[in-house]
PDB file of N, CA and C in Angstrom:
ATOM      1  N   UNK A   1       7.528  18.515  -2.817  1.00  0.00           N
ATOM      2  CA  UNK A   1       6.903  17.575  -3.714  1.00  0.00           C
ATOM      3  C   UNK A   1       7.856  17.344  -4.894  1.00  0.00           C
ATOM      4  N   UNK A   2       7.943  16.116  -5.357  1.00  0.00           N
ATOM      5  CA  UNK A   2       8.817  15.793  -6.468  1.00  0.00           C
ATOM      6  C   UNK A   2       8.171  16.177  -7.790  1.00  0.00           C
ATOM      7  N   UNK A   3       8.960  16.148  -8.846  1.00  0.00           N
ATOM      8  CA  UNK A   3       8.443  16.500 -10.168  1.00  0.00           C
ATOM      9  C   UNK A   3       7.356  15.520 -10.605  1.00  0.00           C
ATOM     10  N   UNK A   4       7.490  14.253 -10.226  1.00  0.00           N
ATOM     11  CA  UNK A   4       6.461  13.271 -10.565  1.00  0.00           C
ATOM     12  C   UNK A   4       5.157  13.601  -9.837  1.00  0.00           C
ATOM     13  N   UNK A   5       5.271  14.067  -8.597  1.00  0.00           N
ATOM     14  CA  UNK A   5       4.084  14.495  -7.860  1.00  0.00           C
ATOM     15  C   UNK A   5       3.398  15.670  -8.528  1.00  0.00           C
ATOM     16  N   UNK A   6       4.192  16.639  -9.021  1.00  0.00           N
ATOM     17  CA  UNK A   6       3.623  17.796  -9.722  1.00  0.00           C
ATOM     18  C   UNK A   6       2.907  17.364 -10.990  1.00  0.00           C
ATOM     19  N   UNK A   7       3.527  16.434 -11.726  1.00  0.00           N
ATOM     20  CA  UNK A   7       2.914  15.977 -12.976  1.00  0.00           C
ATOM     21  C   UNK A   7       1.600  15.245 -12.687  1.00  0.00           C
ATOM     22  N   UNK A   8       1.617  14.365 -11.718  1.00  0.00           N
ATOM     23  CA  UNK A   8       0.403  13.627 -11.359  1.00  0.00           C
ATOM     24  C   UNK A   8      -0.692  14.575 -10.868  1.00  0.00           C
ATOM     25  N   UNK A   9      -0.321  15.510 -10.011  1.00  0.00           N
ATOM     26  CA  UNK A   9      -1.272  16.506  -9.519  1.00  0.00           C
ATOM     27  C   UNK A   9      -1.837  17.322 -10.670  1.00  0.00           C
ATOM     28  N   UNK A  10      -0.981  17.738 -11.592  1.00  0.00           N
ATOM     29  CA  UNK A  10      -1.428  18.529 -12.732  1.00  0.00           C
ATOM     30  C   UNK A  10      -2.357  17.778 -13.659  1.00  0.00           C
ATOM     31  N   UNK A  11      -2.067  16.495 -13.884  1.00  0.00           N
ATOM     32  CA  UNK A  11      -2.936  15.686 -14.741  1.00  0.00           C
ATOM     33  C   UNK A  11      -4.333  15.565 -14.143  1.00  0.00           C
ATOM     34  N   UNK A  12      -4.382  15.310 -12.865  1.00  0.00           N
ATOM     35  CA  UNK A  12      -5.680  15.168 -12.197  1.00  0.00           C
ATOM     36  C   UNK A  12      -6.398  16.515 -12.129  1.00  0.00           C
ATOM     37  N   UNK A  13      -5.658  17.574 -11.818  1.00  0.00           N
ATOM     38  CA  UNK A  13      -6.262  18.913 -11.760  1.00  0.00           C
ATOM     39  C   UNK A  13      -6.775  19.336 -13.130  1.00  0.00           C
ATOM     40  N   UNK A  14      -6.062  18.991 -14.198  1.00  0.00           N
ATOM     41  CA  UNK A  14      -6.522  19.292 -15.552  1.00  0.00           C
ATOM     42  C   UNK A  14      -7.809  18.563 -15.887  1.00  0.00           C
ATOM     43  N   UNK A  15      -7.908  17.314 -15.471  1.00  0.00           N
ATOM     44  CA  UNK A  15      -9.138  16.543 -15.707  1.00  0.00           C
ATOM     45  C   UNK A  15     -10.308  17.133 -14.932  1.00  0.00           C
ATOM     46  N   UNK A  16     -10.055  17.568 -13.703  1.00  0.00           N
ATOM     47  CA  UNK A  16     -11.114  18.189 -12.899  1.00  0.00           C
ATOM     48  C   UNK A  16     -11.534  19.516 -13.508  1.00  0.00           C
ATOM     49  N   UNK A  17     -10.558  20.313 -13.973  1.00  0.00           N
ATOM     50  CA  UNK A  17     -10.877  21.590 -14.609  1.00  0.00           C
ATOM     51  C   UNK A  17     -11.716  21.370 -15.860  1.00  0.00           C
ATOM     52  N   UNK A  18     -11.382  20.346 -16.626  1.00  0.00           N
ATOM     53  CA  UNK A  18     -12.153  20.024 -17.836  1.00  0.00           C
ATOM     54  C   UNK A  18     -13.575  19.586 -17.479  1.00  0.00           C
ATOM     55  N   UNK A  19     -13.715  18.851 -16.375  1.00  0.00           N
ATOM     56  CA  UNK A  19     -15.046  18.442 -15.932  1.00  0.00           C
ATOM     57  C   UNK A  19     -15.871  19.641 -15.464  1.00  0.00           C
ATOM     58  N   UNK A  20     -15.208  20.626 -14.865  1.00  0.00           N
ATOM     59  CA  UNK A  20     -15.903  21.826 -14.408  1.00  0.00           C
ATOM     60  C   UNK A  20     -16.288  22.735 -15.566  1.00  0.00           C
ATOM     61  N   UNK A  21     -15.516  22.668 -16.659  1.00  0.00           N
ATOM     62  CA  UNK A  21     -15.752  23.505 -17.831  1.00  0.00           C
ATOM     63  C   UNK A  21     -15.834  22.631 -19.075  1.00  0.00           C
ATOM     64  N   UNK A  22     -16.922  21.884 -19.242  1.00  0.00           N
ATOM     65  CA  UNK A  22     -17.010  20.989 -20.403  1.00  0.00           C
ATOM     66  C   UNK A  22     -17.123  21.765 -21.705  1.00  0.00           C
ATOM     67  N   UNK A  23     -16.805  21.110 -22.758  1.00  0.00           N
ATOM     68  CA  UNK A  23     -16.901  21.713 -24.085  1.00  0.00           C
ATOM     69  C   UNK A  23     -15.752  21.221 -24.937  1.00  0.00           C
ATOM     70  N   UNK A  24     -15.839  21.523 -26.223  1.00  0.00           N
ATOM     71  CA  UNK A  24     -14.777  21.104 -27.127  1.00  0.00           C
ATOM     72  C   UNK A  24     -13.644  22.111 -27.066  1.00  0.00           C
ATOM     73  N   UNK A  25     -12.463  21.589 -26.883  1.00  0.00           N
ATOM     74  CA  UNK A  25     -11.268  22.428 -26.863  1.00  0.00           C
ATOM     75  C   UNK A  25     -10.350  22.015 -27.996  1.00  0.00           C
ATOM     76  N   UNK A  26      -9.731  22.998 -28.653  1.00  0.00           N
ATOM     77  CA  UNK A  26      -8.722  22.632 -29.637  1.00  0.00           C
ATOM     78  C   UNK A  26      -7.550  21.965 -28.915  1.00  0.00           C
ATOM     79  N   UNK A  27      -7.019  20.922 -29.474  1.00  0.00           N
ATOM     80  CA  UNK A  27      -5.892  20.240 -28.858  1.00  0.00           C
ATOM     81  C   UNK A  27      -6.297  19.000 -28.101  1.00  0.00           C
ATOM     82  N   UNK A  28      -7.530  18.917 -27.682  1.00  0.00           N
ATOM     83  CA  UNK A  28      -8.036  17.719 -27.036  1.00  0.00           C
ATOM     84  C   UNK A  28      -7.477  17.448 -25.659  1.00  0.00           C
ATOM     85  N   UNK A  29      -7.414  16.186 -25.336  1.00  0.00           N
ATOM     86  CA  UNK A  29      -7.073  15.727 -23.991  1.00  0.00           C
ATOM     87  C   UNK A  29      -5.622  16.042 -23.615  1.00  0.00           C
ATOM     88  N   UNK A  30      -4.704  15.917 -24.563  1.00  0.00           N
ATOM     89  CA  UNK A  30      -3.284  16.143 -24.273  1.00  0.00           C
ATOM     90  C   UNK A  30      -3.048  17.591 -23.845  1.00  0.00           C
ATOM     91  N   UNK A  31      -3.613  18.528 -24.575  1.00  0.00           N
ATOM     92  CA  UNK A  31      -3.457  19.945 -24.224  1.00  0.00           C
ATOM     93  C   UNK A  31      -4.096  20.235 -22.879  1.00  0.00           C
ATOM     94  N   UNK A  32      -5.244  19.643 -22.609  1.00  0.00           N
ATOM     95  CA  UNK A  32      -5.905  19.842 -21.320  1.00  0.00           C
ATOM     96  C   UNK A  32      -5.025  19.345 -20.181  1.00  0.00           C
ATOM     97  N   UNK A  33      -4.365  18.203 -20.377  1.00  0.00           N
ATOM     98  CA  UNK A  33      -3.473  17.679 -19.338  1.00  0.00           C
ATOM     99  C   UNK A  33      -2.256  18.583 -19.138  1.00  0.00           C
ATOM    100  N   UNK A  34      -1.700  19.081 -20.237  1.00  0.00           N
ATOM    101  CA  UNK A  34      -0.562  19.998 -20.113  1.00  0.00           C
ATOM    102  C   UNK A  34      -0.974  21.294 -19.414  1.00  0.00           C
ATOM    103  N   UNK A  35      -2.170  21.777 -19.742  1.00  0.00           N
ATOM    104  CA  UNK A  35      -2.689  22.961 -19.047  1.00  0.00           C
ATOM    105  C   UNK A  35      -2.867  22.672 -17.560  1.00  0.00           C
ATOM    106  N   UNK A  36      -3.247  21.466 -17.228  1.00  0.00           N
ATOM    107  CA  UNK A  36      -3.388  21.082 -15.823  1.00  0.00           C
ATOM    108  C   UNK A  36      -2.059  21.116 -15.088  1.00  0.00           C
ATOM    109  N   UNK A  37      -1.008  20.634 -15.719  1.00  0.00           N
ATOM    110  CA  UNK A  37       0.316  20.642 -15.089  1.00  0.00           C
ATOM    111  C   UNK A  37       0.780  22.074 -14.864  1.00  0.00           C
ATOM    112  N   UNK A  38       0.675  22.904 -15.898  1.00  0.00           N
ATOM    113  CA  UNK A  38       1.078  24.311 -15.755  1.00  0.00           C
ATOM    114  C   UNK A  38       0.135  25.035 -14.801  1.00  0.00           C
ATOM    115  N   UNK A  39      -1.145  24.678 -14.821  1.00  0.00           N
ATOM    116  CA  UNK A  39      -2.117  25.288 -13.914  1.00  0.00           C
ATOM    117  C   UNK A  39      -1.820  24.974 -12.456  1.00  0.00           C
ATOM    118  N   UNK A  40      -1.334  23.776 -12.190  1.00  0.00           N
ATOM    119  CA  UNK A  40      -0.945  23.422 -10.822  1.00  0.00           C
ATOM    120  C   UNK A  40       0.191  24.313 -10.350  1.00  0.00           C
ATOM    121  N   UNK A  41       1.152  24.537 -11.215  1.00  0.00           N
ATOM    122  CA  UNK A  41       2.260  25.429 -10.865  1.00  0.00           C
ATOM    123  C   UNK A  41       1.768  26.864 -10.697  1.00  0.00           C
ATOM    124  N   UNK A  42       0.897  27.316 -11.597  1.00  0.00           N
ATOM    125  CA  UNK A  42       0.329  28.669 -11.511  1.00  0.00           C
ATOM    126  C   UNK A  42      -0.468  28.850 -10.231  1.00  0.00           C
ATOM    127  N   UNK A  43      -1.282  27.875  -9.884  1.00  0.00           N
ATOM    128  CA  UNK A  43      -2.084  27.961  -8.667  1.00  0.00           C
ATOM    129  C   UNK A  43      -1.222  28.056  -7.419  1.00  0.00           C
ATOM    130  N   UNK A  44      -0.157  27.269  -7.367  1.00  0.00           N
ATOM    131  CA  UNK A  44       0.758  27.343  -6.232  1.00  0.00           C
ATOM    132  C   UNK A  44       1.443  28.698  -6.144  1.00  0.00           C
ATOM    133  N   UNK A  45       1.841  29.225  -7.297  1.00  0.00           N
ATOM    134  CA  UNK A  45       2.496  30.530  -7.317  1.00  0.00           C
ATOM    135  C   UNK A  45       1.516  31.631  -6.904  1.00  0.00           C
ATOM    136  N   UNK A  46       0.280  31.587  -7.421  1.00  0.00           N
ATOM    137  CA  UNK A  46      -0.717  32.602  -7.055  1.00  0.00           C
ATOM    138  C   UNK A  46      -1.037  32.556  -5.563  1.00  0.00           C
ATOM    139  N   UNK A  47      -1.136  31.355  -5.009  1.00  0.00           N
ATOM    140  CA  UNK A  47      -1.406  31.235  -3.576  1.00  0.00           C
ATOM    141  C   UNK A  47      -0.321  31.889  -2.737  1.00  0.00           C
ATOM    142  N   UNK A  48       0.904  31.735  -3.177  1.00  0.00           N
ATOM    143  CA  UNK A  48       2.018  32.300  -2.432  1.00  0.00           C
ATOM    144  C   UNK A  48       2.106  33.807  -2.609  1.00  0.00           C
ATOM    145  N   UNK A  49       1.950  34.293  -3.856  1.00  0.00           N
ATOM    146  CA  UNK A  49       2.116  35.720  -4.135  1.00  0.00           C
ATOM    147  C   UNK A  49       0.913  36.547  -3.698  1.00  0.00           C
ATOM    148  N   UNK A  50      -0.285  36.123  -4.065  1.00  0.00           N
ATOM    149  CA  UNK A  50      -1.484  36.913  -3.804  1.00  0.00           C
ATOM    150  C   UNK A  50      -1.924  36.820  -2.349  1.00  0.00           C
ATOM    151  N   UNK A  51      -1.947  35.604  -1.813  1.00  0.00           N
ATOM    152  CA  UNK A  51      -2.468  35.414  -0.466  1.00  0.00           C
ATOM    153  C   UNK A  51      -1.388  35.277   0.594  1.00  0.00           C
ATOM    154  N   UNK A  52      -0.137  35.188   0.177  1.00  0.00           N
ATOM    155  CA  UNK A  52       0.961  35.107   1.133  1.00  0.00           C
ATOM    156  C   UNK A  52       1.005  33.809   1.924  1.00  0.00           C
ATOM    157  N   UNK A  53       0.447  32.738   1.348  1.00  0.00           N
ATOM    158  CA  UNK A  53       0.458  31.451   2.046  1.00  0.00           C
ATOM    159  C   UNK A  53       1.216  30.435   1.210  1.00  0.00           C
ATOM    160  N   UNK A  54       1.789  29.485   1.877  1.00  0.00           N
ATOM    161  CA  UNK A  54       2.439  28.376   1.181  1.00  0.00           C
ATOM    162  C   UNK A  54       1.361  27.356   0.867  1.00  0.00           C
ATOM    163  N   UNK A  55       0.881  27.366  -0.377  1.00  0.00           N
ATOM    164  CA  UNK A  55      -0.270  26.540  -0.731  1.00  0.00           C
ATOM    165  C   UNK A  55       0.128  25.166  -1.243  1.00  0.00           C
ATOM    166  N   UNK A  56       1.389  24.885  -1.281  1.00  0.00           N
ATOM    167  CA  UNK A  56       1.826  23.593  -1.798  1.00  0.00           C
ATOM    168  C   UNK A  56       2.604  22.849  -0.721  1.00  0.00           C
ATOM    169  N   UNK A  57       1.944  22.611   0.399  1.00  0.00           N
ATOM    170  CA  UNK A  57       2.589  21.944   1.526  1.00  0.00           C
ATOM    171  C   UNK A  57       2.831  20.466   1.261  1.00  0.00           C
ATOM    172  N   UNK A  58       1.982  19.829   0.505  1.00  0.00           N
ATOM    173  CA  UNK A  58       2.135  18.413   0.240  1.00  0.00           C
ATOM    174  C   UNK A  58       1.066  17.921  -0.713  1.00  0.00           C
ATOM    175  N   UNK A  59       1.299  16.747  -1.263  1.00  0.00           N
ATOM    176  CA  UNK A  59       0.404  16.197  -2.266  1.00  0.00           C
ATOM    177  C   UNK A  59      -1.005  15.978  -1.732  1.00  0.00           C
ATOM    178  N   UNK A  60      -1.130  15.601  -0.489  1.00  0.00           N
ATOM    179  CA  UNK A  60      -2.446  15.267   0.067  1.00  0.00           C
ATOM    180  C   UNK A  60      -3.086  16.424   0.836  1.00  0.00           C
ATOM    181  N   UNK A  61      -2.535  17.614   0.748  1.00  0.00           N
ATOM    182  CA  UNK A  61      -3.103  18.782   1.423  1.00  0.00           C
ATOM    183  C   UNK A  61      -4.212  19.391   0.564  1.00  0.00           C
ATOM    184  N   UNK A  62      -5.322  19.738   1.185  1.00  0.00           N
ATOM    185  CA  UNK A  62      -6.448  20.321   0.470  1.00  0.00           C
ATOM    186  C   UNK A  62      -6.058  21.621  -0.231  1.00  0.00           C
ATOM    187  N   UNK A  63      -5.232  22.442   0.414  1.00  0.00           N
ATOM    188  CA  UNK A  63      -4.828  23.713  -0.185  1.00  0.00           C
ATOM    189  C   UNK A  63      -4.047  23.494  -1.475  1.00  0.00           C
ATOM    190  N   UNK A  64      -3.269  22.449  -1.545  1.00  0.00           N
ATOM    191  CA  UNK A  64      -2.520  22.142  -2.759  1.00  0.00           C
ATOM    192  C   UNK A  64      -3.473  21.812  -3.905  1.00  0.00           C
ATOM    193  N   UNK A  65      -4.480  21.002  -3.627  1.00  0.00           N
ATOM    194  CA  UNK A  65      -5.444  20.608  -4.653  1.00  0.00           C
ATOM    195  C   UNK A  65      -6.291  21.783  -5.112  1.00  0.00           C
ATOM    196  N   UNK A  66      -6.728  22.609  -4.173  1.00  0.00           N
ATOM    197  CA  UNK A  66      -7.525  23.786  -4.539  1.00  0.00           C
ATOM    198  C   UNK A  66      -6.711  24.722  -5.418  1.00  0.00           C
ATOM    199  N   UNK A  67      -5.464  24.970  -5.034  1.00  0.00           N
ATOM    200  CA  UNK A  67      -4.602  25.847  -5.825  1.00  0.00           C
ATOM    201  C   UNK A  67      -4.391  25.280  -7.223  1.00  0.00           C
ATOM    202  N   UNK A  68      -4.162  23.985  -7.332  1.00  0.00           N
ATOM    203  CA  UNK A  68      -3.930  23.359  -8.634  1.00  0.00           C
ATOM    204  C   UNK A  68      -5.173  23.424  -9.518  1.00  0.00           C
ATOM    205  N   UNK A  69      -6.331  23.169  -8.954  1.00  0.00           N
ATOM    206  CA  UNK A  69      -7.571  23.190  -9.739  1.00  0.00           C
ATOM    207  C   UNK A  69      -7.909  24.610 -10.176  1.00  0.00           C
ATOM    208  N   UNK A  70      -7.767  25.574  -9.271  1.00  0.00           N
ATOM    209  CA  UNK A  70      -8.040  26.970  -9.630  1.00  0.00           C
ATOM    210  C   UNK A  70      -7.076  27.434 -10.725  1.00  0.00           C
ATOM    211  N   UNK A  71      -5.801  27.097 -10.592  1.00  0.00           N
ATOM    212  CA  UNK A  71      -4.834  27.452 -11.623  1.00  0.00           C
ATOM    213  C   UNK A  71      -5.164  26.814 -12.958  1.00  0.00           C
ATOM    214  N   UNK A  72      -5.611  25.570 -12.944  1.00  0.00           N
ATOM    215  CA  UNK A  72      -5.966  24.874 -14.175  1.00  0.00           C
ATOM    216  C   UNK A  72      -7.191  25.486 -14.837  1.00  0.00           C
ATOM    217  N   UNK A  73      -8.182  25.856 -14.044  1.00  0.00           N
ATOM    218  CA  UNK A  73      -9.380  26.499 -14.592  1.00  0.00           C
ATOM    219  C   UNK A  73      -9.013  27.847 -15.204  1.00  0.00           C
ATOM    220  N   UNK A  74      -8.165  28.616 -14.528  1.00  0.00           N
ATOM    221  CA  UNK A  74      -7.731  29.914 -15.058  1.00  0.00           C
ATOM    222  C   UNK A  74      -7.035  29.734 -16.406  1.00  0.00           C
ATOM    223  N   UNK A  75      -6.119  28.777 -16.489  1.00  0.00           N
ATOM    224  CA  UNK A  75      -5.421  28.539 -17.750  1.00  0.00           C
ATOM    225  C   UNK A  75      -6.353  28.024 -18.838  1.00  0.00           C
ATOM    226  N   UNK A  76      -7.326  27.213 -18.484  1.00  0.00           N
ATOM    227  CA  UNK A  76      -8.280  26.721 -19.474  1.00  0.00           C
ATOM    228  C   UNK A  76      -9.122  27.872 -20.015  1.00  0.00           C
ATOM    229  N   UNK A  77      -9.513  28.789 -19.164  1.00  0.00           N
ATOM    230  CA  UNK A  77     -10.257  29.976 -19.615  1.00  0.00           C
ATOM    231  C   UNK A  77      -9.397  30.806 -20.560  1.00  0.00           C
ATOM    232  N   UNK A  78      -8.152  31.060 -20.170  1.00  0.00           N
ATOM    233  CA  UNK A  78      -7.245  31.845 -21.017  1.00  0.00           C
ATOM    234  C   UNK A  78      -7.032  31.142 -22.351  1.00  0.00           C
ATOM    235  N   UNK A  79      -6.850  29.839 -22.321  1.00  0.00           N
ATOM    236  CA  UNK A  79      -6.636  29.068 -23.547  1.00  0.00           C
ATOM    237  C   UNK A  79      -7.837  29.175 -24.481  1.00  0.00           C
ATOM    238  N   UNK A  80      -9.034  29.086 -23.926  1.00  0.00           N
ATOM    239  CA  UNK A  80     -10.235  29.202 -24.759  1.00  0.00           C
ATOM    240  C   UNK A  80     -10.383  30.600 -25.342  1.00  0.00           C
ATOM    241  N   UNK A  81     -10.009  31.630 -24.586  1.00  0.00           N
ATOM    242  CA  UNK A  81     -10.099  32.998 -25.091  1.00  0.00           C
ATOM    243  C   UNK A  81      -9.074  33.205 -26.212  1.00  0.00           C
ATOM    244  N   UNK A  82      -7.855  32.728 -26.015  1.00  0.00           N
ATOM    245  CA  UNK A  82      -6.793  32.914 -26.995  1.00  0.00           C
ATOM    246  C   UNK A  82      -7.093  32.159 -28.290  1.00  0.00           C
ATOM    247  N   UNK A  83      -7.590  30.939 -28.176  1.00  0.00           N
ATOM    248  CA  UNK A  83      -7.877  30.153 -29.375  1.00  0.00           C
ATOM    249  C   UNK A  83      -9.231  30.504 -29.985  1.00  0.00           C
ATOM    250  N   UNK A  84      -9.989  31.317 -29.323  1.00  0.00           N
ATOM    251  CA  UNK A  84     -11.284  31.745 -29.853  1.00  0.00           C
ATOM    252  C   UNK A  84     -12.347  30.661 -29.829  1.00  0.00           C
ATOM    253  N   UNK A  85     -12.148  29.640 -29.025  1.00  0.00           N
ATOM    254  CA  UNK A  85     -13.136  28.576 -28.909  1.00  0.00           C
ATOM    255  C   UNK A  85     -13.220  27.696 -30.154  1.00  0.00           C
ATOM    256  N   UNK A  86     -12.181  27.754 -30.995  1.00  0.00           N
ATOM    257  CA  UNK A  86     -12.178  26.926 -32.205  1.00  0.00           C
ATOM    258  C   UNK A  86     -12.070  25.454 -31.817  1.00  0.00           C
ATOM    259  N   UNK A  87     -12.935  24.672 -32.314  1.00  0.00           N
ATOM    260  CA  UNK A  87     -12.878  23.220 -32.095  1.00  0.00           C
ATOM    261  C   UNK A  87     -12.117  22.594 -33.251  1.00  0.00           C
ATOM    262  N   UNK A  88     -11.358  21.578 -32.942  1.00  0.00           N
ATOM    263  CA  UNK A  88     -10.638  20.894 -34.011  1.00  0.00           C
ATOM    264  C   UNK A  88     -11.621  20.103 -34.844  1.00  0.00           C
ATOM    265  N   UNK A  89     -11.317  19.968 -36.097  1.00  0.00           N
ATOM    266  CA  UNK A  89     -12.311  19.321 -36.914  1.00  0.00           C
ATOM    267  C   UNK A  89     -11.816  18.342 -37.880  1.00  0.00           C
TER     268      UNK A  89
END
């Protein structure tokens, strides 16, 4: 997958993660999208290391999307814990 594919996948995965975990986040939409991009990479890495499978076979593979969304949700949880749930004001 190209870098543009990773970015697009991450943006969409970040939006899905935000929909699964609604609430106010410090940083807003931009931070959520960046977390989605990094979460997509994290999900692919976790799939390979923990489960021993190549989870990033292609952009349209279900395993790629699941890995990206799970990685994004994990990062969103970590981000909320680290920031203490502070909402920007």
